[in-house]
Amino acid sequence: MWNLLGLAHSFNKNFDEAERAFRKASELAPDVALYWTNLSSLLRDKGRLSENSHLTTLARECSHKAIDLQPQNARLYVDVALTYLDESDFSAARQWLDRGLSCEAKTAMDELEALLVLAELHVKAKDYEKVKDVAEQVKNIPEATIPVIAYASKRLTSLGFEMFKANDYFSALAMVEAAQFLYYKKERVGLEVELRSAVDCLNEFSALETDSQVIEPVKRLASMMVSRLLDEDEIPYSAFIDVYLSLKDYQGSAVVSSFERLKSAYPNIVSISPETIDEAREKGVMLMELDELEKDDSVVQPVKDLCRYICHNALGGGRDGTVIGMIGTAIDNTPTKLLRASVTSVRKKYPKIYSSQKQLFDELVRASRRW
């Protein structure tokens, strides 16, 4: 009765009541391994939820008592391994899994359970390549029928999906790929492709972070794009404006070359939103033109100031009435011939700046003719 009551409380997440019931069952019948196993499982769950390592230790002690009663029960060794896995003691966890796998009385399902935990161990230890080896071992279980393999594949997928929800994409991909290797299902292809894309982007970004050929604002933009891929929340446009405005601190040629490097060396990141990269690169081209224009003696200073303001505005800078007024006054005081020659130079030499405000430049030329 106490054991059933504990199971009922455990099912309803009443963990304290469940613990009291399982302890009572163990006290009344200390020679029943099942009662110690249920208490161990409950304490382990409570330990993980509360991050209380003492409860994990108590869970392990209960599993040891169960093993003393049933030393040939392979599942009990797996239970001990799980407590060590919770503590990230991979060596101890592996030793107990091996003890479970070596039990002569183990069933096919016992072996399967141990191997599934072994797959989880490899993932937590970041030995991703070994997960597929475990899948191969599952296939080689003598009594592994198609339903058993399909069940193992489903379990691996479930573990992978939980890791996916926790943003652990490398682990999730290893699990899903192993699941597909075991038992292919087209319904999982979408998840596998999404995970592969995420992992490829994360691998690229890891390399990008230390790439000296890419300036910091471009790295920040790439980081935002990867975040947008991995997170459903939209990135506010103001964050992009901050990146664009910071491009002004660099030579335009450095900006353009950074984007060229991004497109050639990090195609998976670029593929998240190629239009965003192209738009940002065009701003770099405009800055590169501005660098050259600043040194161009054929363009008078008021027109240079106007072009600088146009570039600032194109990067997302706000409208400044005072600055516009000062530039307008300076242009009004510029001789007509010089003004027209300056606009002509901008049109011929700096097409990106000119085309961004073609109507404004054309109006300047028409106005100068009226003067």
Protein backbone atom coordinates (compact mmCIF):
# COMPACT_ATOMS: atom_id res chain seq x y z
CA MET A 1 0.00 0.00 0.00
CA TRP A 2 2.74 2.50 0.92
CA ASN A 3 4.60 1.86 -2.33
CA LEU A 4 1.43 2.46 -4.40
CA LEU A 5 0.73 5.62 -2.42
CA GLY A 6 4.27 6.82 -3.14
CA LEU A 7 3.82 6.18 -6.86
CA ALA A 8 0.55 8.13 -6.83
CA HIS A 9 2.13 11.11 -5.03
CA SER A 10 5.13 10.98 -7.35
CA PHE A 11 2.88 11.01 -10.43
CA ASN A 12 1.12 14.11 -9.07
CA LYS A 13 4.46 15.82 -8.31
CA ASN A 14 3.85 15.68 -4.55
CA PHE A 15 7.48 14.72 -3.98
CA ASP A 16 7.65 15.21 -0.22
CA GLU A 17 4.59 13.04 0.34
CA ALA A 18 5.96 10.47 -2.11
CA GLU A 19 9.26 10.34 -0.24
CA ARG A 20 7.49 9.72 3.06
CA ALA A 21 5.46 6.90 1.51
CA PHE A 22 8.46 5.22 -0.12
CA ARG A 23 10.47 5.47 3.09
CA LYS A 24 7.60 3.84 5.00
CA ALA A 25 7.45 1.03 2.43
CA SER A 26 11.21 0.45 2.76
CA GLU A 27 11.02 0.43 6.56
CA LEU A 28 8.19 -2.11 6.61
CA ALA A 29 9.76 -4.37 3.95
CA PRO A 30 13.51 -3.64 3.75
CA ASP A 31 14.11 -6.83 1.78
CA VAL A 32 12.12 -5.63 -1.28
CA ALA A 33 14.51 -4.12 -3.83
CA LEU A 34 11.70 -2.37 -5.72
CA TYR A 35 10.93 -0.14 -2.77
CA TRP A 36 14.55 1.00 -2.51
CA THR A 37 14.61 1.57 -6.26
CA ASN A 38 11.51 3.76 -6.18
CA LEU A 39 12.90 5.76 -3.27
CA SER A 40 16.19 6.17 -5.11
CA SER A 41 14.45 7.42 -8.25
CA LEU A 42 12.41 9.92 -6.28
CA LEU A 43 15.41 11.27 -4.35
CA ARG A 44 17.34 11.61 -7.59
CA ASP A 45 14.49 13.61 -9.14
CA LYS A 46 14.29 15.86 -6.08
CA GLY A 47 18.05 16.31 -6.13
CA ARG A 48 18.03 17.42 -9.76
CA LEU A 49 15.12 19.80 -9.28
CA SER A 50 16.62 21.43 -6.19
CA GLU A 51 20.26 21.01 -7.29
CA ASN A 52 20.85 19.33 -3.91
CA SER A 53 23.83 16.99 -4.24
CA HIS A 54 23.08 15.44 -0.82
CA LEU A 55 19.82 14.02 -2.19
CA THR A 56 21.75 12.53 -5.12
CA THR A 57 24.08 10.81 -2.66
CA LEU A 58 21.10 9.44 -0.72
CA ALA A 59 19.59 8.17 -3.97
CA ARG A 60 22.82 6.33 -4.74
CA GLU A 61 22.82 4.72 -1.28
CA CYS A 62 19.28 3.45 -1.87
CA SER A 63 20.34 1.94 -5.19
CA HIS A 64 23.22 0.18 -3.48
CA LYS A 65 20.77 -1.37 -1.01
CA ALA A 66 18.68 -2.58 -3.94
CA ILE A 67 21.80 -4.10 -5.57
CA ASP A 68 22.61 -5.94 -2.33
CA LEU A 69 19.20 -7.59 -2.63
CA GLN A 70 19.31 -8.23 -6.40
CA PRO A 71 22.95 -8.25 -7.58
CA GLN A 72 22.02 -9.69 -11.00
CA ASN A 73 19.51 -6.94 -11.81
CA ALA A 74 21.28 -4.90 -14.50
CA ARG A 75 18.86 -1.96 -14.21
CA LEU A 76 20.01 -1.28 -10.66
CA TYR A 77 23.58 -0.64 -11.84
CA VAL A 78 22.20 1.81 -14.39
CA ASP A 79 20.41 3.62 -11.55
CA VAL A 80 23.74 4.10 -9.76
CA ALA A 81 25.33 5.28 -13.01
CA LEU A 82 22.61 7.91 -13.39
CA THR A 83 23.43 9.43 -9.99
CA TYR A 84 27.05 9.84 -11.05
CA LEU A 85 25.94 11.26 -14.39
CA ASP A 86 23.93 13.89 -12.50
CA GLU A 87 27.20 14.88 -10.82
CA SER A 88 29.10 14.86 -14.15
CA ASP A 89 31.37 12.11 -12.84
CA PHE A 90 31.60 10.44 -16.24
CA SER A 91 34.27 7.94 -15.26
CA ALA A 92 32.27 6.53 -12.34
CA ALA A 93 29.08 6.55 -14.40
CA ARG A 94 30.78 4.56 -17.16
CA GLN A 95 32.11 2.01 -14.66
CA TRP A 96 28.64 1.33 -13.29
CA LEU A 97 27.14 1.12 -16.77
CA ASP A 98 29.78 -1.44 -17.70
CA ARG A 99 28.90 -3.44 -14.58
CA GLY A 100 25.26 -3.42 -15.63
CA LEU A 101 26.14 -4.47 -19.19
CA SER A 102 28.23 -7.35 -17.84
CA CYS A 103 25.38 -8.85 -15.81
CA GLU A 104 24.74 -12.33 -17.16
CA ALA A 105 21.03 -12.13 -16.34
CA LYS A 106 20.45 -8.92 -18.26
CA THR A 107 17.61 -8.81 -20.78
CA ALA A 108 17.62 -7.06 -24.15
CA MET A 109 15.70 -4.15 -22.61
CA ASP A 110 18.21 -3.97 -19.73
CA GLU A 111 21.04 -3.71 -22.24
CA LEU A 112 19.11 -1.16 -24.27
CA GLU A 113 18.50 1.01 -21.20
CA ALA A 114 22.19 0.94 -20.28
CA LEU A 115 23.20 1.88 -23.83
CA LEU A 116 20.76 4.78 -23.96
CA VAL A 117 22.25 6.15 -20.76
CA LEU A 118 25.70 5.61 -22.27
CA ALA A 119 24.64 7.76 -25.24
CA GLU A 120 23.55 10.48 -22.82
CA LEU A 121 26.90 10.17 -21.03
CA HIS A 122 28.86 10.68 -24.28
CA VAL A 123 26.78 13.73 -25.12
CA LYS A 124 27.28 15.31 -21.70
CA ALA A 125 31.02 14.59 -21.97
CA LYS A 126 30.92 16.19 -25.45
CA ASP A 127 32.16 12.97 -27.08
CA TYR A 128 29.59 13.44 -29.84
CA GLU A 129 31.20 11.04 -32.30
CA LYS A 130 30.72 8.14 -29.86
CA VAL A 131 26.95 8.48 -29.82
CA LYS A 132 26.66 6.82 -33.22
CA ASP A 133 28.85 3.96 -31.93
CA VAL A 134 26.28 3.41 -29.19
CA ALA A 135 23.54 3.31 -31.83
CA GLU A 136 25.54 0.60 -33.60
CA GLN A 137 25.72 -1.35 -30.33
CA VAL A 138 21.94 -1.08 -29.99
CA LYS A 139 21.51 -2.56 -33.45
CA ASN A 140 23.77 -5.46 -32.44
CA ILE A 141 21.72 -6.48 -29.39
CA PRO A 142 20.82 -10.10 -30.24
CA GLU A 143 17.15 -9.76 -29.31
CA ALA A 144 16.79 -6.27 -30.81
CA THR A 145 13.66 -6.56 -32.94
CA ILE A 146 12.41 -3.75 -35.18
CA PRO A 147 10.01 -2.47 -32.47
CA VAL A 148 12.88 -2.41 -29.94
CA ILE A 149 15.10 -0.44 -32.33
CA ALA A 150 12.23 1.92 -33.14
CA TYR A 151 11.69 2.45 -29.41
CA ALA A 152 15.39 3.23 -28.90
CA SER A 153 15.29 5.67 -31.80
CA LYS A 154 12.28 7.41 -30.28
CA ARG A 155 14.02 7.67 -26.91
CA LEU A 156 17.11 9.23 -28.50
CA THR A 157 14.90 11.68 -30.39
CA SER A 158 13.10 12.66 -27.19
CA LEU A 159 16.41 13.29 -25.44
CA GLY A 160 17.59 15.29 -28.44
CA PHE A 161 14.44 17.40 -28.47
CA GLU A 162 14.82 18.22 -24.78
CA MET A 163 18.40 19.32 -25.48
CA PHE A 164 17.19 21.34 -28.44
CA LYS A 165 14.71 23.19 -26.21
CA ALA A 166 17.58 23.88 -23.80
CA ASN A 167 19.59 25.40 -26.72
CA ASP A 168 22.16 22.60 -26.53
CA TYR A 169 22.30 22.18 -30.30
CA PHE A 170 25.47 20.09 -30.54
CA SER A 171 24.10 17.48 -28.14
CA ALA A 172 20.67 17.54 -29.73
CA LEU A 173 22.12 16.97 -33.20
CA ALA A 174 24.22 14.02 -32.00
CA MET A 175 21.12 12.40 -30.50
CA VAL A 176 18.88 12.98 -33.52
CA GLU A 177 21.52 11.75 -35.98
CA ALA A 178 21.95 8.59 -33.92
CA ALA A 179 18.17 8.16 -33.84
CA GLN A 180 17.98 8.45 -37.63
CA PHE A 181 20.85 5.98 -37.99
CA LEU A 182 18.96 3.51 -35.83
CA TYR A 183 15.55 3.92 -37.40
CA TYR A 184 15.05 6.48 -40.17
CA LYS A 185 11.88 8.53 -40.09
CA LYS A 186 11.18 11.29 -42.58
CA GLU A 187 9.22 13.17 -39.91
CA ARG A 188 12.53 13.84 -38.13
CA VAL A 189 14.29 15.24 -41.20
CA GLY A 190 13.09 18.79 -40.56
CA LEU A 191 14.44 18.76 -37.00
CA GLU A 192 17.71 17.22 -38.15
CA VAL A 193 18.17 19.86 -40.86
CA GLU A 194 17.37 22.66 -38.40
CA LEU A 195 19.86 21.31 -35.88
CA ARG A 196 22.54 20.83 -38.52
CA SER A 197 22.06 24.43 -39.66
CA ALA A 198 22.31 25.68 -36.07
CA VAL A 199 25.46 23.65 -35.36
CA ASP A 200 27.12 24.73 -38.62
CA CYS A 201 26.41 28.37 -37.78
CA LEU A 202 27.72 27.98 -34.22
CA ASN A 203 30.90 26.32 -35.51
CA GLU A 204 31.40 29.14 -37.98
CA PHE A 205 30.77 31.81 -35.36
CA SER A 206 33.31 30.20 -33.04
CA ALA A 207 35.92 30.67 -35.80
CA LEU A 208 34.63 34.15 -36.68
CA GLU A 209 35.15 35.45 -33.14
CA THR A 210 38.94 35.19 -33.52
CA ASP A 211 39.11 36.18 -37.20
CA SER A 212 41.32 39.28 -37.43
CA GLN A 213 40.13 39.94 -41.00
CA VAL A 214 36.65 40.87 -39.78
CA ILE A 215 36.01 44.07 -37.84
CA GLU A 216 34.05 44.02 -34.59
CA PRO A 217 30.77 45.59 -35.84
CA VAL A 218 30.52 42.92 -38.56
CA LYS A 219 31.10 40.23 -35.92
CA ARG A 220 28.34 41.79 -33.83
CA LEU A 221 26.00 41.71 -36.80
CA ALA A 222 26.84 38.04 -37.40
CA SER A 223 26.20 37.32 -33.72
CA MET A 224 22.76 38.94 -33.96
CA MET A 225 21.93 36.86 -37.03
CA VAL A 226 22.93 33.62 -35.31
CA SER A 227 20.87 34.65 -32.28
CA ARG A 228 17.89 35.27 -34.55
CA LEU A 229 18.29 31.77 -35.99
CA LEU A 230 18.39 30.14 -32.55
CA ASP A 231 15.82 32.32 -30.79
CA GLU A 232 12.24 33.05 -31.80
CA ASP A 233 12.39 36.57 -30.33
CA GLU A 234 12.87 39.34 -32.87
CA ILE A 235 15.97 41.51 -32.51
CA PRO A 236 14.96 45.18 -32.25
CA TYR A 237 15.90 47.30 -35.24
CA SER A 238 17.69 49.71 -32.92
CA ALA A 239 20.32 47.01 -32.35
CA PHE A 240 21.05 46.96 -36.09
CA ILE A 241 21.26 50.76 -36.11
CA ASP A 242 23.87 50.63 -33.34
CA VAL A 243 25.96 48.26 -35.47
CA TYR A 244 25.60 50.37 -38.61
CA LEU A 245 26.55 53.58 -36.82
CA SER A 246 29.66 51.92 -35.36
CA LEU A 247 30.85 51.21 -38.91
CA LYS A 248 31.78 54.91 -39.13
CA ASP A 249 34.71 54.25 -36.81
CA TYR A 250 36.43 52.18 -39.52
CA GLN A 251 37.77 52.83 -43.00
CA GLY A 252 35.15 52.01 -45.61
CA SER A 253 37.56 49.60 -47.29
CA ALA A 254 37.89 47.66 -44.01
CA VAL A 255 34.11 47.46 -43.75
CA VAL A 256 33.70 46.15 -47.30
CA SER A 257 36.55 43.65 -46.99
CA SER A 258 35.05 42.37 -43.71
CA PHE A 259 31.78 41.63 -45.43
CA GLU A 260 33.57 39.99 -48.35
CA ARG A 261 35.43 37.81 -45.85
CA LEU A 262 32.15 36.97 -44.10
CA LYS A 263 30.52 35.92 -47.38
CA SER A 264 33.44 33.75 -48.48
CA ALA A 265 34.45 32.11 -45.18
CA TYR A 266 31.15 31.88 -43.28
CA PRO A 267 28.44 30.93 -45.78
CA ASN A 268 26.12 29.33 -43.23
CA ILE A 269 25.90 32.52 -41.18
CA VAL A 270 25.34 34.58 -44.32
CA SER A 271 22.59 32.19 -45.45
CA ILE A 272 20.52 33.11 -42.37
CA SER A 273 19.73 36.47 -43.97
CA PRO A 274 21.77 37.27 -47.10
CA GLU A 275 19.72 40.41 -47.68
CA THR A 276 20.84 41.79 -44.30
CA ILE A 277 24.49 41.19 -45.22
CA ASP A 278 24.04 42.79 -48.65
CA GLU A 279 22.33 45.82 -47.14
CA ALA A 280 25.10 46.25 -44.56
CA ARG A 281 27.81 45.79 -47.22
CA GLU A 282 26.24 48.57 -49.30
CA LYS A 283 26.65 50.88 -46.34
CA GLY A 284 30.32 49.93 -46.31
CA VAL A 285 30.61 50.81 -50.00
CA MET A 286 29.09 54.20 -49.23
CA LEU A 287 31.64 54.75 -46.45
CA MET A 288 34.44 53.73 -48.78
CA GLU A 289 33.26 56.33 -51.28
CA LEU A 290 33.10 58.91 -48.48
CA ASP A 291 36.74 58.20 -47.55
CA GLU A 292 37.77 58.96 -51.12
CA LEU A 293 35.48 61.97 -51.41
CA GLU A 294 37.01 63.56 -48.31
CA LYS A 295 40.35 63.72 -50.17
CA ASP A 296 38.84 64.93 -53.45
CA ASP A 297 39.77 68.56 -54.21
CA SER A 298 37.12 68.72 -56.96
CA VAL A 299 34.38 68.73 -54.32
CA VAL A 300 33.89 71.83 -52.18
CA GLN A 301 33.66 71.52 -48.42
CA PRO A 302 29.91 72.25 -48.09
CA VAL A 303 29.12 69.40 -50.51
CA LYS A 304 31.51 67.14 -48.60
CA ASP A 305 29.67 68.03 -45.42
CA LEU A 306 26.38 67.23 -47.14
CA CYS A 307 27.71 63.84 -48.30
CA ARG A 308 28.95 63.07 -44.81
CA TYR A 309 25.51 63.87 -43.40
CA ILE A 310 23.84 61.70 -46.07
CA CYS A 311 26.08 58.76 -45.09
CA HIS A 312 25.33 59.30 -41.40
CA ASN A 313 21.63 59.27 -42.20
CA ALA A 314 21.97 56.11 -44.33
CA LEU A 315 23.57 54.35 -41.37
CA GLY A 316 20.55 55.15 -39.24
CA GLY A 317 21.64 58.40 -37.64
CA GLY A 318 18.78 60.71 -36.71
CA ARG A 319 17.89 63.96 -38.45
CA ASP A 320 19.72 66.99 -37.05
CA GLY A 321 18.06 70.26 -38.02
CA THR A 322 20.96 72.37 -36.79
CA VAL A 323 23.49 70.52 -38.93
CA ILE A 324 21.19 70.67 -41.97
CA GLY A 325 20.78 74.41 -41.48
CA MET A 326 24.53 74.99 -41.28
CA ILE A 327 25.15 72.89 -44.41
CA GLY A 328 22.36 74.70 -46.27
CA THR A 329 23.79 78.10 -45.38
CA ALA A 330 27.28 77.04 -46.53
CA ILE A 331 25.87 75.73 -49.82
CA ASP A 332 23.96 78.99 -50.41
CA ASN A 333 27.26 80.87 -50.04
CA THR A 334 29.09 78.57 -52.46
CA PRO A 335 29.72 79.95 -55.95
CA THR A 336 27.36 78.40 -58.49
CA LYS A 337 30.11 77.10 -60.76
CA LEU A 338 31.90 75.33 -57.92
CA LEU A 339 28.67 73.88 -56.60
CA ARG A 340 27.68 72.43 -59.99
CA ALA A 341 31.18 71.04 -60.53
CA SER A 342 31.11 69.42 -57.08
CA VAL A 343 27.75 67.72 -57.69
CA THR A 344 28.98 66.50 -61.08
CA SER A 345 32.04 64.97 -59.38
CA VAL A 346 29.84 63.24 -56.83
CA ARG A 347 27.60 61.86 -59.59
CA LYS A 348 30.51 60.49 -61.63
CA LYS A 349 32.89 59.29 -58.91
CA TYR A 350 30.68 58.36 -55.98
CA PRO A 351 27.56 56.67 -57.40
CA LYS A 352 26.45 55.06 -54.17
CA ILE A 353 26.29 58.37 -52.31
CA TYR A 354 24.78 60.14 -55.30
CA SER A 355 22.07 57.53 -55.94
CA SER A 356 21.04 57.50 -52.27
CA GLN A 357 19.96 61.17 -52.57
CA LYS A 358 19.76 61.67 -56.34
CA GLN A 359 16.73 63.94 -56.11
CA LEU A 360 18.51 66.22 -53.63
CA PHE A 361 21.64 66.52 -55.75
CA ASP A 362 19.63 67.16 -58.92
CA GLU A 363 17.69 69.87 -57.13
CA LEU A 364 20.98 71.53 -56.12
CA VAL A 365 22.05 71.65 -59.77
CA ARG A 366 18.70 73.09 -60.89
CA ALA A 367 18.78 75.67 -58.11
CA SER A 368 22.31 76.72 -59.03
CA ARG A 369 21.17 77.35 -62.61
CA ARG A 370 18.44 79.65 -61.33
CA TRP A 371 21.00 81.55 -59.32
